Amino acid sequence: MKRVSAAFAVLLSFSAVPGFAQDAGALPAAQHNRQKIVVLDGTLSPSSHSTSYASGYFTIRNDDGADHLLKGVSSSVCSSITAHHTNQEQTQATNDLFSHLSLPHNSEMIFPPSGYHLLCGGITKPLQQGEKIPFTFQFLDGDSITIGFTVKPV
């Protein structure tokens, strides 16, 4: 019986480790998943017009020989996440870009300030410059990647 209890305690201690990994300082700036998809260079810039919005910029790379599908992006800090392009008309299709984005094999997509990027709406807490905000990218196969987007100045 003691071996079972000791084994359970060891397993419990390992299961607690991911909780510490979610500490804002411990969030990775880049992460791979098992399908060789990489998300990196995440930054979040608060809006100069409204404290309830921030723009997110990042790069996503598919190093796999197969295509994959991004089916969503989420963050506990954002009530909603949509795609936005400052210089183009917004439509429902562009708003929902990150809920069905095809990631072609052996490709890289950059979401910069001057193009399509992520719009975090309904911010649930004040953002502090230098803070890392967790964003989770979910894929059709059920896998996900969580990285920290660094808050930049307005």
N, C-alpha and C. Protein backbone atom coordinates (compact mmCIF):
# COMPACT_ATOMS: atom_id res chain seq x y z
N MET A 1 0.82 -1.20 0.00
CA MET A 1 0.00 0.00 0.00
C MET A 1 0.86 1.25 0.00
N LYS A 2 2.01 1.21 0.68
CA LYS A 2 2.87 2.39 0.71
C LYS A 2 3.42 2.72 -0.67
N ARG A 3 3.72 1.71 -1.48
CA ARG A 3 4.23 1.96 -2.82
C ARG A 3 3.19 2.67 -3.67
N VAL A 4 1.95 2.29 -3.54
CA VAL A 4 0.89 2.95 -4.29
C VAL A 4 0.78 4.41 -3.85
N SER A 5 0.83 4.66 -2.56
CA SER A 5 0.74 6.02 -2.06
C SER A 5 1.93 6.85 -2.51
N ALA A 6 3.13 6.28 -2.46
CA ALA A 6 4.32 7.00 -2.90
C ALA A 6 4.26 7.28 -4.39
N ALA A 7 3.82 6.27 -5.16
CA ALA A 7 3.70 6.47 -6.61
C ALA A 7 2.67 7.55 -6.91
N PHE A 8 1.56 7.54 -6.18
CA PHE A 8 0.54 8.56 -6.37
C PHE A 8 1.10 9.95 -6.06
N ALA A 9 1.88 10.06 -4.97
CA ALA A 9 2.48 11.35 -4.60
C ALA A 9 3.44 11.84 -5.67
N VAL A 10 4.22 10.93 -6.24
CA VAL A 10 5.15 11.32 -7.31
C VAL A 10 4.37 11.79 -8.53
N LEU A 11 3.34 11.05 -8.93
CA LEU A 11 2.52 11.46 -10.07
C LEU A 11 1.85 12.80 -9.81
N LEU A 12 1.35 13.01 -8.61
CA LEU A 12 0.71 14.27 -8.25
C LEU A 12 1.71 15.42 -8.35
N SER A 13 2.94 15.20 -7.91
CA SER A 13 3.94 16.28 -7.99
C SER A 13 4.27 16.61 -9.43
N PHE A 14 4.29 15.61 -10.33
CA PHE A 14 4.54 15.89 -11.74
C PHE A 14 3.37 16.65 -12.36
N SER A 15 2.15 16.33 -11.95
CA SER A 15 0.98 17.00 -12.52
C SER A 15 0.90 18.45 -12.06
N ALA A 16 1.58 18.80 -10.98
CA ALA A 16 1.55 20.18 -10.50
C ALA A 16 2.49 21.07 -11.28
N VAL A 17 3.49 20.50 -11.96
CA VAL A 17 4.49 21.28 -12.69
C VAL A 17 3.86 22.18 -13.75
N PRO A 18 2.91 21.69 -14.60
CA PRO A 18 2.34 22.58 -15.60
C PRO A 18 1.68 23.82 -15.01
N GLY A 19 1.14 23.73 -13.80
CA GLY A 19 0.55 24.90 -13.17
C GLY A 19 1.58 26.00 -12.96
N PHE A 20 2.79 25.63 -12.57
CA PHE A 20 3.86 26.61 -12.40
C PHE A 20 4.30 27.16 -13.75
N ALA A 21 4.22 26.35 -14.80
CA ALA A 21 4.64 26.80 -16.13
C ALA A 21 3.74 27.92 -16.64
N GLN A 22 2.55 28.06 -16.08
CA GLN A 22 1.65 29.11 -16.53
C GLN A 22 1.95 30.45 -15.86
N ASP A 23 2.90 30.49 -14.94
CA ASP A 23 3.36 31.74 -14.34
C ASP A 23 3.77 32.66 -15.48
N ALA A 24 3.34 33.91 -15.44
CA ALA A 24 3.58 34.84 -16.54
C ALA A 24 5.04 34.93 -16.92
N GLY A 25 5.96 34.85 -15.96
CA GLY A 25 7.37 34.93 -16.27
C GLY A 25 7.90 33.67 -16.93
N ALA A 26 7.19 32.54 -16.75
CA ALA A 26 7.67 31.27 -17.26
C ALA A 26 7.09 30.92 -18.64
N LEU A 27 6.21 31.72 -19.17
CA LEU A 27 5.62 31.40 -20.47
C LEU A 27 6.68 31.43 -21.56
N PRO A 28 6.69 30.43 -22.43
CA PRO A 28 7.68 30.42 -23.49
C PRO A 28 7.40 31.50 -24.55
N ALA A 29 8.48 32.00 -25.15
CA ALA A 29 8.35 32.99 -26.23
C ALA A 29 8.10 32.28 -27.56
N ALA A 30 8.41 30.99 -27.63
CA ALA A 30 8.17 30.17 -28.82
C ALA A 30 7.94 28.75 -28.36
N GLN A 31 7.13 28.01 -29.09
CA GLN A 31 6.88 26.63 -28.70
C GLN A 31 6.53 25.81 -29.93
N HIS A 32 7.03 24.56 -29.98
CA HIS A 32 6.68 23.59 -31.02
C HIS A 32 5.57 22.69 -30.49
N ASN A 33 4.79 22.12 -31.38
CA ASN A 33 3.91 21.04 -30.96
C ASN A 33 4.36 19.78 -31.67
N ARG A 34 3.69 18.68 -31.42
CA ARG A 34 4.15 17.41 -31.97
C ARG A 34 4.01 17.33 -33.49
N GLN A 35 3.23 18.20 -34.12
CA GLN A 35 3.11 18.22 -35.57
C GLN A 35 4.12 19.17 -36.22
N LYS A 36 5.06 19.65 -35.46
CA LYS A 36 6.11 20.54 -35.97
C LYS A 36 5.57 21.91 -36.36
N ILE A 37 4.56 22.37 -35.63
CA ILE A 37 4.06 23.73 -35.82
C ILE A 37 4.71 24.59 -34.74
N VAL A 38 5.18 25.77 -35.12
CA VAL A 38 5.87 26.66 -34.21
C VAL A 38 5.13 28.00 -34.19
N VAL A 39 4.89 28.53 -33.00
CA VAL A 39 4.36 29.87 -32.84
C VAL A 39 5.42 30.66 -32.09
N LEU A 40 5.78 31.84 -32.59
CA LEU A 40 6.85 32.62 -31.98
C LEU A 40 6.66 34.11 -32.19
N ASP A 41 7.49 34.89 -31.50
CA ASP A 41 7.54 36.35 -31.63
C ASP A 41 6.21 37.03 -31.30
N GLY A 42 5.49 36.54 -30.31
CA GLY A 42 4.21 37.13 -29.93
C GLY A 42 4.38 38.42 -29.14
N THR A 43 3.75 39.47 -29.64
CA THR A 43 3.72 40.74 -28.91
C THR A 43 2.28 41.23 -28.86
N LEU A 44 1.96 42.01 -27.84
CA LEU A 44 0.62 42.55 -27.66
C LEU A 44 0.74 44.04 -27.39
N SER A 45 0.10 44.86 -28.23
CA SER A 45 0.16 46.32 -28.09
C SER A 45 -1.21 46.86 -27.75
N PRO A 46 -1.36 47.45 -26.56
CA PRO A 46 -2.65 48.04 -26.19
C PRO A 46 -3.05 49.13 -27.19
N SER A 47 -4.34 49.28 -27.39
CA SER A 47 -4.86 50.31 -28.28
C SER A 47 -4.65 51.69 -27.67
N SER A 48 -4.32 52.64 -28.52
CA SER A 48 -4.20 54.03 -28.04
C SER A 48 -5.58 54.68 -27.94
N HIS A 49 -6.62 54.02 -28.47
CA HIS A 49 -7.98 54.57 -28.48
C HIS A 49 -8.87 54.02 -27.38
N SER A 50 -8.60 52.77 -26.93
CA SER A 50 -9.48 52.14 -25.96
C SER A 50 -8.70 51.13 -25.12
N THR A 51 -8.91 51.15 -23.83
CA THR A 51 -8.23 50.20 -22.94
C THR A 51 -8.81 48.79 -23.04
N SER A 52 -9.89 48.63 -23.77
CA SER A 52 -10.50 47.30 -23.88
C SER A 52 -10.02 46.52 -25.11
N TYR A 53 -9.07 47.09 -25.87
CA TYR A 53 -8.55 46.42 -27.07
C TYR A 53 -7.03 46.43 -27.08
N ALA A 54 -6.47 45.38 -27.69
CA ALA A 54 -5.03 45.32 -27.92
C ALA A 54 -4.80 44.51 -29.20
N SER A 55 -3.74 44.84 -29.91
CA SER A 55 -3.40 44.13 -31.14
C SER A 55 -2.26 43.16 -30.87
N GLY A 56 -2.40 41.95 -31.40
CA GLY A 56 -1.38 40.92 -31.22
C GLY A 56 -0.69 40.60 -32.53
N TYR A 57 0.62 40.48 -32.47
CA TYR A 57 1.43 40.20 -33.65
C TYR A 57 2.27 38.96 -33.37
N PHE A 58 2.41 38.09 -34.35
CA PHE A 58 3.13 36.84 -34.14
C PHE A 58 3.50 36.21 -35.48
N THR A 59 4.31 35.16 -35.40
CA THR A 59 4.66 34.34 -36.56
C THR A 59 4.25 32.91 -36.24
N ILE A 60 3.68 32.23 -37.23
CA ILE A 60 3.35 30.82 -37.08
C ILE A 60 3.99 30.08 -38.25
N ARG A 61 4.67 28.99 -37.93
CA ARG A 61 5.42 28.25 -38.94
C ARG A 61 5.01 26.78 -38.88
N ASN A 62 4.78 26.19 -40.05
CA ASN A 62 4.48 24.77 -40.15
C ASN A 62 5.69 24.09 -40.77
N ASP A 63 6.51 23.45 -39.94
CA ASP A 63 7.70 22.74 -40.40
C ASP A 63 7.41 21.30 -40.80
N ASP A 64 6.15 20.93 -40.80
CA ASP A 64 5.73 19.57 -41.12
C ASP A 64 5.55 19.43 -42.63
N GLY A 65 5.61 18.21 -43.12
CA GLY A 65 5.37 17.93 -44.53
C GLY A 65 3.89 17.83 -44.86
N ALA A 66 3.03 18.02 -43.86
CA ALA A 66 1.57 17.94 -44.06
C ALA A 66 0.93 19.28 -43.69
N ASP A 67 -0.20 19.57 -44.34
CA ASP A 67 -0.97 20.77 -44.01
C ASP A 67 -1.67 20.56 -42.66
N HIS A 68 -1.93 21.66 -41.95
CA HIS A 68 -2.66 21.60 -40.69
C HIS A 68 -3.67 22.73 -40.66
N LEU A 69 -4.60 22.67 -39.71
CA LEU A 69 -5.65 23.67 -39.61
C LEU A 69 -5.68 24.25 -38.19
N LEU A 70 -5.52 25.57 -38.11
CA LEU A 70 -5.69 26.27 -36.84
C LEU A 70 -7.18 26.47 -36.66
N LYS A 71 -7.72 26.02 -35.52
CA LYS A 71 -9.17 26.14 -35.34
C LYS A 71 -9.56 27.15 -34.28
N GLY A 72 -8.57 27.81 -33.66
CA GLY A 72 -8.92 28.84 -32.70
C GLY A 72 -7.72 29.35 -31.93
N VAL A 73 -7.86 30.56 -31.43
CA VAL A 73 -6.88 31.19 -30.56
C VAL A 73 -7.66 31.73 -29.37
N SER A 74 -7.12 31.53 -28.17
CA SER A 74 -7.80 32.02 -26.98
C SER A 74 -6.80 32.57 -25.98
N SER A 75 -7.31 33.40 -25.09
CA SER A 75 -6.52 33.95 -23.99
C SER A 75 -7.48 34.32 -22.87
N SER A 76 -7.05 34.08 -21.64
CA SER A 76 -7.90 34.43 -20.50
C SER A 76 -8.04 35.94 -20.35
N VAL A 77 -7.21 36.71 -21.01
CA VAL A 77 -7.24 38.17 -20.92
C VAL A 77 -8.20 38.79 -21.93
N CYS A 78 -8.58 38.02 -22.96
CA CYS A 78 -9.43 38.54 -24.04
C CYS A 78 -10.82 37.89 -23.99
N SER A 79 -11.86 38.72 -24.00
CA SER A 79 -13.22 38.19 -24.09
C SER A 79 -13.51 37.69 -25.50
N SER A 80 -12.84 38.30 -26.49
CA SER A 80 -12.99 37.87 -27.88
C SER A 80 -11.66 38.05 -28.60
N ILE A 81 -11.44 37.20 -29.60
CA ILE A 81 -10.26 37.32 -30.45
C ILE A 81 -10.73 37.23 -31.89
N THR A 82 -10.40 38.25 -32.65
CA THR A 82 -10.73 38.28 -34.07
C THR A 82 -9.48 38.65 -34.85
N ALA A 83 -9.58 38.54 -36.17
CA ALA A 83 -8.50 38.99 -37.04
C ALA A 83 -8.83 40.42 -37.46
N HIS A 84 -7.79 41.20 -37.68
CA HIS A 84 -8.01 42.59 -38.06
C HIS A 84 -6.92 43.03 -39.04
N HIS A 85 -7.29 43.87 -39.96
CA HIS A 85 -6.34 44.50 -40.88
C HIS A 85 -6.69 45.98 -40.90
N THR A 86 -5.76 46.80 -40.46
CA THR A 86 -6.01 48.23 -40.32
C THR A 86 -6.44 48.89 -41.62
N ASN A 87 -5.91 48.44 -42.75
CA ASN A 87 -6.16 49.12 -44.03
C ASN A 87 -7.19 48.43 -44.91
N GLN A 88 -7.93 47.47 -44.38
CA GLN A 88 -8.93 46.78 -45.19
C GLN A 88 -10.26 46.73 -44.46
N GLU A 89 -11.32 46.59 -45.25
CA GLU A 89 -12.66 46.50 -44.69
C GLU A 89 -12.81 45.21 -43.88
N GLN A 90 -13.44 45.32 -42.72
CA GLN A 90 -13.68 44.16 -41.87
C GLN A 90 -14.95 43.45 -42.33
N THR A 91 -14.89 42.14 -42.44
CA THR A 91 -16.07 41.32 -42.75
C THR A 91 -16.10 40.17 -41.75
N GLN A 92 -17.21 39.44 -41.70
CA GLN A 92 -17.30 38.29 -40.82
C GLN A 92 -16.23 37.26 -41.17
N ALA A 93 -15.95 37.09 -42.47
CA ALA A 93 -14.94 36.11 -42.89
C ALA A 93 -13.56 36.49 -42.36
N THR A 94 -13.21 37.79 -42.42
CA THR A 94 -11.90 38.18 -41.91
C THR A 94 -11.88 38.14 -40.39
N ASN A 95 -12.97 38.48 -39.74
CA ASN A 95 -13.03 38.39 -38.27
C ASN A 95 -12.74 36.98 -37.78
N ASP A 96 -13.24 35.98 -38.50
CA ASP A 96 -13.13 34.58 -38.09
C ASP A 96 -11.89 33.88 -38.65
N LEU A 97 -10.94 34.62 -39.18
CA LEU A 97 -9.77 34.04 -39.82
C LEU A 97 -9.07 33.01 -38.95
N PHE A 98 -8.90 33.29 -37.66
CA PHE A 98 -8.15 32.39 -36.78
C PHE A 98 -8.96 31.19 -36.31
N SER A 99 -10.21 31.06 -36.76
CA SER A 99 -11.01 29.88 -36.39
C SER A 99 -11.00 28.82 -37.49
N HIS A 100 -10.33 29.10 -38.59
CA HIS A 100 -10.24 28.10 -39.68
C HIS A 100 -9.08 28.44 -40.62
N LEU A 101 -7.92 28.69 -40.05
CA LEU A 101 -6.76 29.09 -40.84
C LEU A 101 -5.96 27.87 -41.27
N SER A 102 -5.84 27.69 -42.58
CA SER A 102 -5.05 26.60 -43.12
C SER A 102 -3.57 26.95 -43.03
N LEU A 103 -2.79 26.01 -42.51
CA LEU A 103 -1.34 26.18 -42.41
C LEU A 103 -0.69 25.23 -43.40
N PRO A 104 -0.35 25.73 -44.59
CA PRO A 104 0.26 24.85 -45.61
C PRO A 104 1.57 24.25 -45.11
N HIS A 105 1.88 23.07 -45.61
CA HIS A 105 3.11 22.39 -45.21
C HIS A 105 4.34 23.23 -45.57
N ASN A 106 5.34 23.14 -44.70
CA ASN A 106 6.62 23.83 -44.90
C ASN A 106 6.44 25.30 -45.25
N SER A 107 5.66 26.00 -44.44
CA SER A 107 5.39 27.41 -44.71
C SER A 107 5.48 28.23 -43.43
N GLU A 108 5.54 29.54 -43.60
CA GLU A 108 5.57 30.48 -42.48
C GLU A 108 4.59 31.61 -42.77
N MET A 109 3.83 31.99 -41.78
CA MET A 109 2.91 33.13 -41.91
C MET A 109 3.25 34.15 -40.83
N ILE A 110 3.36 35.39 -41.25
CA ILE A 110 3.68 36.48 -40.32
C ILE A 110 2.46 37.37 -40.21
N PHE A 111 2.08 37.69 -38.98
CA PHE A 111 0.94 38.57 -38.71
C PHE A 111 1.49 39.85 -38.08
N PRO A 112 1.87 40.84 -38.94
CA PRO A 112 2.57 42.05 -38.49
C PRO A 112 1.61 43.23 -38.27
N PRO A 113 2.11 44.32 -37.71
CA PRO A 113 1.29 45.52 -37.52
C PRO A 113 0.71 46.05 -38.83
N SER A 114 1.41 45.88 -39.94
CA SER A 114 0.95 46.45 -41.20
C SER A 114 0.06 45.51 -42.01
N GLY A 115 -0.31 44.36 -41.47
CA GLY A 115 -1.15 43.40 -42.19
C GLY A 115 -2.18 42.81 -41.26
N TYR A 116 -2.66 41.62 -41.61
CA TYR A 116 -3.60 40.94 -40.73
C TYR A 116 -2.90 40.61 -39.42
N HIS A 117 -3.62 40.81 -38.34
CA HIS A 117 -3.10 40.51 -37.01
C HIS A 117 -4.28 40.16 -36.10
N LEU A 118 -3.96 39.79 -34.89
CA LEU A 118 -4.95 39.37 -33.92
C LEU A 118 -5.47 40.59 -33.16
N LEU A 119 -6.76 40.66 -32.94
CA LEU A 119 -7.35 41.74 -32.15
C LEU A 119 -7.98 41.13 -30.91
N CYS A 120 -7.43 41.49 -29.76
CA CYS A 120 -7.91 41.03 -28.45
C CYS A 120 -8.94 42.06 -27.98
N GLY A 121 -10.18 41.64 -27.84
CA GLY A 121 -11.24 42.55 -27.42
C GLY A 121 -11.77 42.20 -26.05
N GLY A 122 -12.32 43.19 -25.37
CA GLY A 122 -12.89 42.97 -24.04
C GLY A 122 -11.83 42.54 -23.03
N ILE A 123 -10.73 43.27 -23.00
CA ILE A 123 -9.63 42.93 -22.11
C ILE A 123 -10.12 42.90 -20.67
N THR A 124 -9.78 41.80 -19.97
CA THR A 124 -10.32 41.54 -18.65
C THR A 124 -9.47 42.07 -17.49
N LYS A 125 -8.26 42.58 -17.79
CA LYS A 125 -7.40 43.12 -16.73
C LYS A 125 -6.45 44.14 -17.34
N PRO A 126 -5.96 45.08 -16.56
CA PRO A 126 -5.00 46.06 -17.08
C PRO A 126 -3.72 45.36 -17.55
N LEU A 127 -3.18 45.82 -18.68
CA LEU A 127 -1.95 45.26 -19.23
C LEU A 127 -0.76 46.09 -18.78
N GLN A 128 0.30 45.41 -18.36
CA GLN A 128 1.51 46.08 -17.90
C GLN A 128 2.63 45.84 -18.92
N GLN A 129 3.31 46.90 -19.31
CA GLN A 129 4.41 46.77 -20.26
C GLN A 129 5.42 45.73 -19.77
N GLY A 130 5.85 44.82 -20.67
CA GLY A 130 6.80 43.77 -20.34
C GLY A 130 6.17 42.49 -19.84
N GLU A 131 4.91 42.55 -19.42
CA GLU A 131 4.18 41.38 -18.93
C GLU A 131 3.98 40.39 -20.09
N LYS A 132 3.94 39.10 -19.77
CA LYS A 132 3.65 38.08 -20.77
C LYS A 132 2.23 37.58 -20.58
N ILE A 133 1.44 37.69 -21.65
CA ILE A 133 0.04 37.27 -21.63
C ILE A 133 -0.07 35.95 -22.38
N PRO A 134 -0.67 34.90 -21.77
CA PRO A 134 -0.78 33.60 -22.44
C PRO A 134 -1.82 33.61 -23.55
N PHE A 135 -1.42 33.10 -24.71
CA PHE A 135 -2.31 32.87 -25.84
C PHE A 135 -2.16 31.41 -26.23
N THR A 136 -3.30 30.73 -26.40
CA THR A 136 -3.29 29.32 -26.76
C THR A 136 -3.84 29.16 -28.18
N PHE A 137 -3.08 28.48 -29.01
CA PHE A 137 -3.44 28.19 -30.40
C PHE A 137 -3.90 26.73 -30.45
N GLN A 138 -5.16 26.49 -30.85
CA GLN A 138 -5.72 25.15 -30.92
C GLN A 138 -5.76 24.68 -32.37
N PHE A 139 -5.44 23.40 -32.57
CA PHE A 139 -5.40 22.83 -33.91
C PHE A 139 -6.45 21.74 -34.06
N LEU A 140 -6.84 21.45 -35.29
CA LEU A 140 -7.91 20.51 -35.58
C LEU A 140 -7.69 19.14 -34.95
N ASP A 141 -6.45 18.70 -34.85
CA ASP A 141 -6.18 17.37 -34.29
C ASP A 141 -6.28 17.33 -32.77
N GLY A 142 -6.60 18.45 -32.13
CA GLY A 142 -6.73 18.50 -30.68
C GLY A 142 -5.49 19.00 -29.97
N ASP A 143 -4.39 19.13 -30.68
CA ASP A 143 -3.16 19.63 -30.08
C ASP A 143 -3.26 21.14 -29.90
N SER A 144 -2.42 21.69 -29.02
CA SER A 144 -2.42 23.14 -28.83
C SER A 144 -1.02 23.61 -28.45
N ILE A 145 -0.81 24.90 -28.57
CA ILE A 145 0.44 25.56 -28.21
C ILE A 145 0.07 26.80 -27.40
N THR A 146 0.72 27.01 -26.27
CA THR A 146 0.52 28.23 -25.48
C THR A 146 1.84 28.96 -25.39
N ILE A 147 1.84 30.24 -25.81
CA ILE A 147 3.03 31.06 -25.68
C ILE A 147 2.66 32.39 -25.02
N GLY A 148 3.66 33.06 -24.50
CA GLY A 148 3.46 34.36 -23.90
C GLY A 148 3.67 35.46 -24.92
N PHE A 149 2.66 36.32 -25.08
CA PHE A 149 2.80 37.52 -25.89
C PHE A 149 3.29 38.63 -24.96
N THR A 150 4.40 39.25 -25.29
CA THR A 150 4.97 40.31 -24.46
C THR A 150 4.24 41.62 -24.71
N VAL A 151 3.75 42.27 -23.65
CA VAL A 151 3.04 43.54 -23.79
C VAL A 151 4.06 44.63 -24.11
N LYS A 152 3.82 45.31 -25.23
CA LYS A 152 4.68 46.41 -25.70
C LYS A 152 3.99 47.74 -25.40
N PRO A 153 4.72 48.84 -25.48
CA PRO A 153 4.09 50.14 -25.26
C PRO A 153 3.05 50.48 -26.32
N VAL A 154 2.14 51.36 -25.99
CA VAL A 154 1.10 51.79 -26.93
C VAL A 154 1.75 52.45 -28.12
